[in-house]
C-alpha atoms as a PDB file:
ATOM      1  CA  UNK A   1      40.006  90.919  79.284  1.00  0.00           C
ATOM      2  CA  UNK A   2      41.982  88.108  80.498  1.00  0.00           C
ATOM      3  CA  UNK A   3      39.267  88.059  83.815  1.00  0.00           C
ATOM      4  CA  UNK A   4      36.153  88.499  81.789  1.00  0.00           C
ATOM      5  CA  UNK A   5      34.041  85.358  81.757  1.00  0.00           C
ATOM      6  CA  UNK A   6      32.170  85.868  78.864  1.00  0.00           C
ATOM      7  CA  UNK A   7      36.155  86.227  77.357  1.00  0.00           C
ATOM      8  CA  UNK A   8      37.484  82.706  78.933  1.00  0.00           C
ATOM      9  CA  UNK A   9      33.835  81.132  77.109  1.00  0.00           C
ATOM     10  CA  UNK A  10      35.028  82.766  73.876  1.00  0.00           C
ATOM     11  CA  UNK A  11      38.955  81.556  74.119  1.00  0.00           C
ATOM     12  CA  UNK A  12      37.212  78.038  75.345  1.00  0.00           C
ATOM     13  CA  UNK A  13      38.931  78.485  78.314  1.00  0.00           C
ATOM     14  CA  UNK A  14      35.451  77.739  80.237  1.00  0.00           C
ATOM     15  CA  UNK A  15      33.122  75.433  78.640  1.00  0.00           C
ATOM     16  CA  UNK A  16      29.523  76.544  77.673  1.00  0.00           C
ATOM     17  CA  UNK A  17      26.674  74.958  75.250  1.00  0.00           C
ATOM     18  CA  UNK A  18      27.557  76.849  72.146  1.00  0.00           C
ATOM     19  CA  UNK A  19      24.100  77.882  69.746  1.00  0.00           C
ATOM     20  CA  UNK A  20      25.508  80.117  67.347  1.00  0.00           C
ATOM     21  CA  UNK A  21      29.138  81.475  65.904  1.00  0.00           C
ATOM     22  CA  UNK A  22      30.602  83.535  63.697  1.00  0.00           C
ATOM     23  CA  UNK A  23      33.648  85.647  63.739  1.00  0.00           C
ATOM     24  CA  UNK A  24      31.888  88.517  65.771  1.00  0.00           C
ATOM     25  CA  UNK A  25      29.368  86.890  68.191  1.00  0.00           C
ATOM     26  CA  UNK A  26      29.347  83.972  70.299  1.00  0.00           C
ATOM     27  CA  UNK A  27      25.841  82.638  71.254  1.00  0.00           C
ATOM     28  CA  UNK A  28      25.940  80.377  74.380  1.00  0.00           C
ATOM     29  CA  UNK A  29      22.780  78.492  76.752  1.00  0.00           C
ATOM     30  CA  UNK A  30      22.707  80.422  79.925  1.00  0.00           C
ATOM     31  CA  UNK A  31      23.460  78.259  82.821  1.00  0.00           C
ATOM     32  CA  UNK A  32      20.404  79.856  84.861  1.00  0.00           C
ATOM     33  CA  UNK A  33      17.405  80.051  81.883  1.00  0.00           C
ATOM     34  CA  UNK A  34      14.867  82.014  83.383  1.00  0.00           C
ATOM     35  CA  UNK A  35      12.520  80.289  80.697  1.00  0.00           C
ATOM     36  CA  UNK A  36      12.734  77.332  78.801  1.00  0.00           C
ATOM     37  CA  UNK A  37      14.725  79.491  76.306  1.00  0.00           C
ATOM     38  CA  UNK A  38      17.433  81.402  77.248  1.00  0.00           C
ATOM     39  CA  UNK A  39      20.552  82.268  75.298  1.00  0.00           C
ATOM     40  CA  UNK A  40      22.665  84.760  75.654  1.00  0.00           C
ATOM     41  CA  UNK A  41      24.725  86.361  72.173  1.00  0.00           C
ATOM     42  CA  UNK A  42      27.941  87.998  73.422  1.00  0.00           C
ATOM     43  CA  UNK A  43      30.122  90.712  71.205  1.00  0.00           C
ATOM     44  CA  UNK A  44      33.522  88.486  70.551  1.00  0.00           C
ATOM     45  CA  UNK A  45      35.264  92.093  71.617  1.00  0.00           C
ATOM     46  CA  UNK A  46      35.283  92.691  74.639  1.00  0.00           C
ATOM     47  CA  UNK A  47      32.958  95.943  75.322  1.00  0.00           C
ATOM     48  CA  UNK A  48      31.476  96.397  79.246  1.00  0.00           C
ATOM     49  CA  UNK A  49      28.248  97.234  77.946  1.00  0.00           C
ATOM     50  CA  UNK A  50      25.842  99.240  76.097  1.00  0.00           C
ATOM     51  CA  UNK A  51      27.396 102.106  77.575  1.00  0.00           C
ATOM     52  CA  UNK A  52      30.300 101.335  75.200  1.00  0.00           C
ATOM     53  CA  UNK A  53      29.307 100.571  71.888  1.00  0.00           C
ATOM     54  CA  UNK A  54      31.096 103.387  70.837  1.00  0.00           C
ATOM     55  CA  UNK A  55      34.103 100.736  71.275  1.00  0.00           C
ATOM     56  CA  UNK A  56      32.322  99.013  68.947  1.00  0.00           C
ATOM     57  CA  UNK A  57      32.105  99.462  64.875  1.00  0.00           C
ATOM     58  CA  UNK A  58      28.740  99.359  62.996  1.00  0.00           C
ATOM     59  CA  UNK A  59      29.254  95.665  61.952  1.00  0.00           C
ATOM     60  CA  UNK A  60      30.077  94.425  65.111  1.00  0.00           C
ATOM     61  CA  UNK A  61      26.379  95.762  66.205  1.00  0.00           C
ATOM     62  CA  UNK A  62      25.011  94.343  63.229  1.00  0.00           C
ATOM     63  CA  UNK A  63      26.122  90.927  63.848  1.00  0.00           C
ATOM     64  CA  UNK A  64      24.954  90.908  67.679  1.00  0.00           C
ATOM     65  CA  UNK A  65      21.029  91.929  66.474  1.00  0.00           C
ATOM     66  CA  UNK A  66      21.491  90.042  63.344  1.00  0.00           C
ATOM     67  CA  UNK A  67      22.615  87.065  66.025  1.00  0.00           C
ATOM     68  CA  UNK A  68      19.793  88.132  68.115  1.00  0.00           C
ATOM     69  CA  UNK A  69      17.554  87.585  65.330  1.00  0.00           C
ATOM     70  CA  UNK A  70      18.589  84.406  63.932  1.00  0.00           C
ATOM     71  CA  UNK A  71      19.486  81.966  67.423  1.00  0.00           C
ATOM     72  CA  UNK A  72      15.515  83.388  67.708  1.00  0.00           C
ATOM     73  CA  UNK A  73      14.287  82.196  64.621  1.00  0.00           C
ATOM     74  CA  UNK A  74      16.673  78.814  64.469  1.00  0.00           C
ATOM     75  CA  UNK A  75      14.776  77.905  67.777  1.00  0.00           C
ATOM     76  CA  UNK A  76      11.555  77.835  66.234  1.00  0.00           C
ATOM     77  CA  UNK A  77      10.076  80.989  68.847  1.00  0.00           C
ATOM     78  CA  UNK A  78       7.405  82.448  65.952  1.00  0.00           C
ATOM     79  CA  UNK A  79       5.170  83.616  68.459  1.00  0.00           C
ATOM     80  CA  UNK A  80       7.477  85.863  69.723  1.00  0.00           C
ATOM     81  CA  UNK A  81      10.814  86.239  72.410  1.00  0.00           C
ATOM     82  CA  UNK A  82      12.618  88.887  74.726  1.00  0.00           C
ATOM     83  CA  UNK A  83      15.408  90.497  74.416  1.00  0.00           C
ATOM     84  CA  UNK A  84      16.983  92.176  77.822  1.00  0.00           C
ATOM     85  CA  UNK A  85      20.459  93.977  78.072  1.00  0.00           C
ATOM     86  CA  UNK A  86      21.437  95.176  81.680  1.00  0.00           C
ATOM     87  CA  UNK A  87      23.573  97.818  81.380  1.00  0.00           C
ATOM     88  CA  UNK A  88      25.226  98.357  84.602  1.00  0.00           C
ATOM     89  CA  UNK A  89      25.365  97.852  88.588  1.00  0.00           C
ATOM     90  CA  UNK A  90      21.794  99.240  88.929  1.00  0.00           C
ATOM     91  CA  UNK A  91      20.276  97.308  86.162  1.00  0.00           C
ATOM     92  CA  UNK A  92      21.595  94.323  87.999  1.00  0.00           C
ATOM     93  CA  UNK A  93      24.395  93.687  84.787  1.00  0.00           C
ATOM     94  CA  UNK A  94      26.449  90.521  86.918  1.00  0.00           C
ATOM     95  CA  UNK A  95      28.735  90.081  83.832  1.00  0.00           C
ATOM     96  CA  UNK A  96      30.825  92.912  82.792  1.00  0.00           C
ATOM     97  CA  UNK A  97      31.120  92.256  79.608  1.00  0.00           C
ATOM     98  CA  UNK A  98      27.493  93.309  76.845  1.00  0.00           C
ATOM     99  CA  UNK A  99      25.648  90.699  76.411  1.00  0.00           C
ATOM    100  CA  UNK A 100      21.906  89.765  75.104  1.00  0.00           C
ATOM    101  CA  UNK A 101      19.384  88.095  76.864  1.00  0.00           C
ATOM    102  CA  UNK A 102      17.005  85.955  74.337  1.00  0.00           C
ATOM    103  CA  UNK A 103      14.721  84.441  76.012  1.00  0.00           C
ATOM    104  CA  UNK A 104      11.479  82.511  74.760  1.00  0.00           C
ATOM    105  CA  UNK A 105       9.532  79.387  74.581  1.00  0.00           C
ATOM    106  CA  UNK A 106       6.569  80.788  76.812  1.00  0.00           C
ATOM    107  CA  UNK A 107       3.963  83.715  77.191  1.00  0.00           C
ATOM    108  CA  UNK A 108       5.828  86.551  78.965  1.00  0.00           C
ATOM    109  CA  UNK A 109       4.341  88.700  81.476  1.00  0.00           C
ATOM    110  CA  UNK A 110       2.999  91.785  81.205  1.00  0.00           C
ATOM    111  CA  UNK A 111       4.862  93.805  83.567  1.00  0.00           C
ATOM    112  CA  UNK A 112       8.867  94.663  82.550  1.00  0.00           C
ATOM    113  CA  UNK A 113      10.391  95.983  86.328  1.00  0.00           C
END
């Protein structure tokens, strides 16, 4: 999509700190980190949210989840990490491109909401 910030990051039009990339996925550091380690994993194919994963094939979905695991392992998050995907305005999804927040580097709070 031409006005999508994440699509522009994938295309190199907006700078980012790349953590991982393959043919289907791009991962980069969040510009407003909420934890010591905060990376976004996004599919290269534009899909607005988890509600539209029927627009991705199984390999593309699997690539996202494998990338989450890989970036966490490469960051040494052996004590654990949290993965969040906000879906829609009520969940405060700020960019309408499917993305997974990978958060770690400290003990997380037990309460999620």
